[in-house]
Amino acid sequence: MHYPDWQKEFPGAVIVCDAQGVILYANDKACKTYEKYGGKEIIGRNVLDCHPEPAKTKLQVMLKTREKNCYTIEKNGVKKLIYQSPWRENGEYKGFVELSLEIPLEIPHFVRQSR
């Protein structure tokens, strides 16, 4: 079966690291976002080297505790949703995936009722 390479040109940044924080994959958007750290050259480097404090310490804790982290940021008038979550293979912890998605400054929020 052929799986599409959807993440390569996905408009959000996708980064996958192993359990020690070594970047295994970064899509086109992530490489562009991290151009000041070398762009595609971030693959093979440790994710901790691409973050300043206090984010670096937070990531160290996340790699150790294997807990997800989700928040929004705003920089230069651009708001992003950051979602960092452990990934597993056959139930075994393998590392983290980070999704960075640009979102509108004002975004609708809906509360759905169960039926």
N, C-alpha and C. Protein backbone atom coordinates (compact mmCIF):
# COMPACT_ATOMS: atom_id res chain seq x y z
N MET A 1 0.84 -1.18 0.00
CA MET A 1 0.00 0.00 0.00
C MET A 1 0.88 1.25 0.00
N HIS A 2 0.52 2.22 -0.78
CA HIS A 2 1.26 3.49 -0.86
C HIS A 2 0.59 4.53 0.03
N TYR A 3 1.37 5.13 0.90
CA TYR A 3 0.87 6.21 1.74
C TYR A 3 1.36 7.53 1.19
N PRO A 4 0.47 8.52 1.10
CA PRO A 4 0.91 9.82 0.58
C PRO A 4 1.88 10.51 1.51
N ASP A 5 2.78 11.28 0.94
CA ASP A 5 3.76 12.05 1.72
C ASP A 5 3.13 13.40 2.07
N TRP A 6 2.02 13.34 2.81
CA TRP A 6 1.22 14.54 3.11
C TRP A 6 1.98 15.57 3.94
N GLN A 7 2.85 15.11 4.80
CA GLN A 7 3.50 16.02 5.74
C GLN A 7 4.59 16.88 5.10
N LYS A 8 5.18 16.45 3.99
CA LYS A 8 6.27 17.19 3.36
C LYS A 8 5.89 18.64 3.07
N GLU A 9 4.76 18.86 2.40
CA GLU A 9 4.34 20.20 2.02
C GLU A 9 3.17 20.71 2.87
N PHE A 10 2.89 20.05 3.97
CA PHE A 10 1.84 20.47 4.90
C PHE A 10 2.13 21.91 5.35
N PRO A 11 1.12 22.79 5.42
CA PRO A 11 1.38 24.19 5.74
C PRO A 11 1.78 24.48 7.19
N GLY A 12 1.72 23.48 8.05
CA GLY A 12 2.21 23.63 9.42
C GLY A 12 3.55 22.93 9.56
N ALA A 13 4.34 23.39 10.53
CA ALA A 13 5.66 22.77 10.77
C ALA A 13 5.47 21.45 11.51
N VAL A 14 6.13 20.40 11.01
CA VAL A 14 6.09 19.07 11.62
C VAL A 14 7.53 18.65 11.90
N ILE A 15 7.82 18.38 13.18
CA ILE A 15 9.15 17.91 13.57
C ILE A 15 8.97 16.64 14.39
N VAL A 16 9.78 15.63 14.09
CA VAL A 16 9.75 14.37 14.82
C VAL A 16 11.14 14.14 15.39
N CYS A 17 11.21 13.89 16.71
CA CYS A 17 12.50 13.58 17.32
C CYS A 17 12.43 12.24 18.04
N ASP A 18 13.58 11.66 18.29
CA ASP A 18 13.63 10.39 19.00
C ASP A 18 13.59 10.64 20.51
N ALA A 19 13.71 9.59 21.29
CA ALA A 19 13.57 9.68 22.75
C ALA A 19 14.67 10.51 23.41
N GLN A 20 15.79 10.72 22.72
CA GLN A 20 16.87 11.55 23.26
C GLN A 20 16.77 13.00 22.76
N GLY A 21 15.84 13.26 21.84
CA GLY A 21 15.66 14.60 21.31
C GLY A 21 16.32 14.84 19.96
N VAL A 22 16.90 13.81 19.36
CA VAL A 22 17.54 13.96 18.05
C VAL A 22 16.45 14.06 16.98
N ILE A 23 16.52 15.10 16.16
CA ILE A 23 15.52 15.33 15.13
C ILE A 23 15.68 14.30 14.01
N LEU A 24 14.60 13.53 13.79
CA LEU A 24 14.59 12.48 12.77
C LEU A 24 13.97 12.98 11.48
N TYR A 25 13.04 13.93 11.60
CA TYR A 25 12.30 14.41 10.44
C TYR A 25 11.87 15.85 10.67
N ALA A 26 11.92 16.65 9.64
CA ALA A 26 11.38 18.01 9.65
C ALA A 26 10.83 18.27 8.26
N ASN A 27 9.55 18.67 8.19
CA ASN A 27 8.97 18.93 6.87
C ASN A 27 9.46 20.27 6.33
N ASP A 28 9.02 20.60 5.12
CA ASP A 28 9.49 21.83 4.45
C ASP A 28 9.23 23.07 5.31
N LYS A 29 8.02 23.18 5.89
CA LYS A 29 7.66 24.35 6.69
C LYS A 29 8.56 24.44 7.93
N ALA A 30 8.84 23.33 8.58
CA ALA A 30 9.71 23.33 9.76
C ALA A 30 11.13 23.77 9.38
N CYS A 31 11.63 23.28 8.26
CA CYS A 31 12.97 23.67 7.82
C CYS A 31 13.04 25.17 7.54
N LYS A 32 11.98 25.72 6.94
CA LYS A 32 11.94 27.16 6.68
C LYS A 32 11.85 27.93 8.00
N THR A 33 11.02 27.46 8.93
CA THR A 33 10.87 28.11 10.23
C THR A 33 12.19 28.16 10.98
N TYR A 34 12.98 27.10 10.87
CA TYR A 34 14.24 27.01 11.60
C TYR A 34 15.46 27.29 10.71
N GLU A 35 15.28 28.17 9.70
CA GLU A 35 16.40 28.53 8.83
C GLU A 35 17.59 29.07 9.60
N LYS A 36 17.33 29.87 10.65
CA LYS A 36 18.46 30.45 11.40
C LYS A 36 19.26 29.38 12.15
N TYR A 37 18.69 28.18 12.28
CA TYR A 37 19.41 27.06 12.90
C TYR A 37 19.97 26.09 11.86
N GLY A 38 19.83 26.45 10.57
CA GLY A 38 20.40 25.62 9.52
C GLY A 38 19.39 25.01 8.57
N GLY A 39 18.10 25.29 8.75
CA GLY A 39 17.09 24.74 7.84
C GLY A 39 17.09 23.22 7.88
N LYS A 40 17.30 22.59 6.74
CA LYS A 40 17.31 21.12 6.65
C LYS A 40 18.42 20.50 7.50
N GLU A 41 19.42 21.31 7.82
CA GLU A 41 20.55 20.81 8.63
C GLU A 41 20.16 20.53 10.08
N ILE A 42 18.93 20.91 10.48
CA ILE A 42 18.50 20.58 11.86
C ILE A 42 18.26 19.08 12.01
N ILE A 43 18.00 18.40 10.89
CA ILE A 43 17.80 16.95 10.95
C ILE A 43 19.12 16.31 11.37
N GLY A 44 19.05 15.52 12.44
CA GLY A 44 20.25 14.90 13.00
C GLY A 44 20.78 15.64 14.22
N ARG A 45 20.31 16.88 14.42
CA ARG A 45 20.70 17.65 15.60
C ARG A 45 19.71 17.42 16.72
N ASN A 46 20.08 17.83 17.92
CA ASN A 46 19.17 17.68 19.05
C ASN A 46 18.22 18.86 19.10
N VAL A 47 16.95 18.56 19.31
CA VAL A 47 15.91 19.59 19.39
C VAL A 47 16.21 20.60 20.50
N LEU A 48 16.92 20.18 21.53
CA LEU A 48 17.26 21.09 22.63
C LEU A 48 18.16 22.22 22.16
N ASP A 49 18.95 21.98 21.11
CA ASP A 49 19.85 23.00 20.58
C ASP A 49 19.12 24.06 19.76
N CYS A 50 17.84 23.83 19.47
CA CYS A 50 17.06 24.75 18.65
C CYS A 50 16.09 25.60 19.48
N HIS A 51 16.18 25.49 20.80
CA HIS A 51 15.28 26.23 21.68
C HIS A 51 16.06 26.97 22.76
N PRO A 52 15.70 28.23 23.00
CA PRO A 52 16.32 28.98 24.10
C PRO A 52 15.65 28.63 25.42
N GLU A 53 16.23 29.07 26.52
CA GLU A 53 15.56 28.92 27.81
C GLU A 53 14.37 29.87 27.86
N PRO A 54 13.31 29.56 28.56
CA PRO A 54 13.08 28.38 29.38
C PRO A 54 12.53 27.18 28.62
N ALA A 55 12.31 27.34 27.29
CA ALA A 55 11.76 26.24 26.49
C ALA A 55 12.66 25.01 26.50
N LYS A 56 13.96 25.22 26.50
CA LYS A 56 14.92 24.11 26.50
C LYS A 56 14.73 23.23 27.73
N THR A 57 14.62 23.84 28.90
CA THR A 57 14.42 23.07 30.13
C THR A 57 13.08 22.36 30.11
N LYS A 58 12.03 23.03 29.60
CA LYS A 58 10.70 22.42 29.48
C LYS A 58 10.78 21.17 28.60
N LEU A 59 11.49 21.26 27.48
CA LEU A 59 11.64 20.11 26.58
C LEU A 59 12.41 18.97 27.25
N GLN A 60 13.43 19.29 28.02
CA GLN A 60 14.18 18.26 28.74
C GLN A 60 13.25 17.49 29.68
N VAL A 61 12.40 18.22 30.38
CA VAL A 61 11.44 17.59 31.30
C VAL A 61 10.45 16.73 30.51
N MET A 62 9.96 17.25 29.39
CA MET A 62 9.01 16.49 28.57
C MET A 62 9.61 15.20 28.04
N LEU A 63 10.85 15.25 27.59
CA LEU A 63 11.50 14.03 27.10
C LEU A 63 11.62 13.00 28.21
N LYS A 64 11.83 13.47 29.43
CA LYS A 64 11.97 12.56 30.57
C LYS A 64 10.61 12.02 31.05
N THR A 65 9.63 12.92 31.17
CA THR A 65 8.33 12.52 31.72
C THR A 65 7.38 11.98 30.66
N ARG A 66 7.67 12.26 29.40
CA ARG A 66 6.86 11.79 28.27
C ARG A 66 5.44 12.34 28.31
N GLU A 67 5.30 13.57 28.77
CA GLU A 67 3.99 14.21 28.84
C GLU A 67 3.84 15.22 27.71
N LYS A 68 2.63 15.29 27.14
CA LYS A 68 2.38 16.23 26.04
C LYS A 68 2.34 17.65 26.56
N ASN A 69 2.49 18.59 25.64
CA ASN A 69 2.49 20.01 25.95
C ASN A 69 1.76 20.73 24.82
N CYS A 70 0.83 21.61 25.17
CA CYS A 70 0.04 22.31 24.17
C CYS A 70 -0.15 23.75 24.62
N TYR A 71 0.12 24.71 23.71
CA TYR A 71 -0.03 26.12 24.04
C TYR A 71 -0.10 26.94 22.76
N THR A 72 -0.44 28.24 22.90
CA THR A 72 -0.39 29.15 21.77
C THR A 72 0.67 30.21 22.05
N ILE A 73 1.24 30.73 20.97
CA ILE A 73 2.21 31.82 21.06
C ILE A 73 1.86 32.87 20.01
N GLU A 74 2.35 34.07 20.21
CA GLU A 74 2.23 35.11 19.20
C GLU A 74 3.58 35.77 19.06
N LYS A 75 4.05 35.87 17.80
CA LYS A 75 5.35 36.48 17.53
C LYS A 75 5.25 37.22 16.20
N ASN A 76 5.63 38.49 16.20
CA ASN A 76 5.59 39.31 14.99
C ASN A 76 4.21 39.31 14.34
N GLY A 77 3.17 39.34 15.17
CA GLY A 77 1.80 39.39 14.66
C GLY A 77 1.26 38.08 14.14
N VAL A 78 1.99 36.99 14.34
CA VAL A 78 1.54 35.66 13.90
C VAL A 78 1.28 34.81 15.14
N LYS A 79 0.07 34.27 15.23
CA LYS A 79 -0.30 33.40 16.35
C LYS A 79 -0.18 31.95 15.90
N LYS A 80 0.37 31.12 16.77
CA LYS A 80 0.55 29.71 16.45
C LYS A 80 0.05 28.83 17.58
N LEU A 81 -0.48 27.68 17.20
CA LEU A 81 -0.80 26.62 18.14
C LEU A 81 0.36 25.65 18.10
N ILE A 82 0.96 25.38 19.25
CA ILE A 82 2.06 24.42 19.35
C ILE A 82 1.54 23.20 20.08
N TYR A 83 1.70 22.05 19.46
CA TYR A 83 1.24 20.79 20.05
C TYR A 83 2.41 19.82 20.02
N GLN A 84 2.90 19.47 21.19
CA GLN A 84 4.04 18.56 21.32
C GLN A 84 3.55 17.31 22.05
N SER A 85 3.71 16.17 21.41
CA SER A 85 3.17 14.94 21.98
C SER A 85 4.12 13.77 21.76
N PRO A 86 4.19 12.87 22.75
CA PRO A 86 4.98 11.65 22.54
C PRO A 86 4.41 10.84 21.37
N TRP A 87 5.29 10.13 20.67
CA TRP A 87 4.83 9.18 19.68
C TRP A 87 5.35 7.80 20.07
N ARG A 88 4.59 6.82 19.68
CA ARG A 88 4.91 5.43 20.05
C ARG A 88 4.84 4.55 18.82
N GLU A 89 5.56 3.46 18.90
CA GLU A 89 5.53 2.44 17.86
C GLU A 89 5.31 1.11 18.56
N ASN A 90 4.22 0.44 18.23
CA ASN A 90 3.85 -0.81 18.91
C ASN A 90 3.82 -0.63 20.43
N GLY A 91 3.32 0.53 20.88
CA GLY A 91 3.20 0.82 22.30
C GLY A 91 4.46 1.31 22.98
N GLU A 92 5.60 1.27 22.27
CA GLU A 92 6.88 1.68 22.86
C GLU A 92 7.16 3.16 22.57
N TYR A 93 7.48 3.92 23.62
CA TYR A 93 7.80 5.34 23.48
C TYR A 93 9.01 5.51 22.59
N LYS A 94 8.87 6.38 21.58
CA LYS A 94 9.95 6.58 20.62
C LYS A 94 10.48 8.02 20.58
N GLY A 95 9.71 8.98 21.12
CA GLY A 95 10.14 10.37 21.08
C GLY A 95 8.96 11.31 21.06
N PHE A 96 9.15 12.47 20.42
CA PHE A 96 8.11 13.49 20.36
C PHE A 96 7.86 13.97 18.94
N VAL A 97 6.61 14.37 18.71
CA VAL A 97 6.22 15.06 17.49
C VAL A 97 5.80 16.46 17.90
N GLU A 98 6.27 17.46 17.17
CA GLU A 98 5.83 18.84 17.39
C GLU A 98 5.13 19.33 16.15
N LEU A 99 3.89 19.82 16.33
CA LEU A 99 3.14 20.46 15.28
C LEU A 99 3.05 21.94 15.62
N SER A 100 3.38 22.80 14.68
CA SER A 100 3.27 24.24 14.85
C SER A 100 2.37 24.76 13.74
N LEU A 101 1.18 25.21 14.13
CA LEU A 101 0.17 25.62 13.16
C LEU A 101 -0.16 27.09 13.32
N GLU A 102 -0.05 27.87 12.23
CA GLU A 102 -0.45 29.27 12.27
C GLU A 102 -1.97 29.32 12.36
N ILE A 103 -2.46 30.14 13.29
CA ILE A 103 -3.91 30.29 13.47
C ILE A 103 -4.25 31.77 13.50
N PRO A 104 -5.51 32.12 13.22
CA PRO A 104 -5.90 33.53 13.29
C PRO A 104 -5.72 34.09 14.70
N LEU A 105 -5.46 35.40 14.79
CA LEU A 105 -5.34 36.04 16.10
C LEU A 105 -6.62 35.86 16.90
N GLU A 106 -7.75 35.99 16.25
CA GLU A 106 -9.04 35.72 16.87
C GLU A 106 -9.60 34.49 16.19
N ILE A 107 -9.93 33.48 16.99
CA ILE A 107 -10.39 32.23 16.42
C ILE A 107 -11.69 31.80 17.10
N PRO A 108 -12.66 31.35 16.32
CA PRO A 108 -13.91 30.91 16.94
C PRO A 108 -13.67 29.69 17.85
N HIS A 109 -14.43 29.63 18.89
CA HIS A 109 -14.38 28.49 19.80
C HIS A 109 -15.82 27.98 19.96
N PHE A 110 -16.02 26.71 19.73
CA PHE A 110 -17.36 26.12 19.80
C PHE A 110 -17.39 25.08 20.92
N VAL A 111 -18.46 25.09 21.66
CA VAL A 111 -18.70 24.06 22.67
C VAL A 111 -19.83 23.18 22.12
N ARG A 112 -19.50 21.94 21.87
CA ARG A 112 -20.48 21.00 21.31
C ARG A 112 -21.09 20.18 22.43
N GLN A 113 -22.37 20.05 22.38
CA GLN A 113 -23.09 19.26 23.38
C GLN A 113 -23.19 17.82 22.90
N SER A 114 -23.07 16.88 23.83
CA SER A 114 -23.26 15.46 23.48
C SER A 114 -24.71 15.23 23.13
N ARG A 115 -24.93 14.32 22.22
CA ARG A 115 -26.32 13.99 21.82
C ARG A 115 -26.81 12.80 22.57
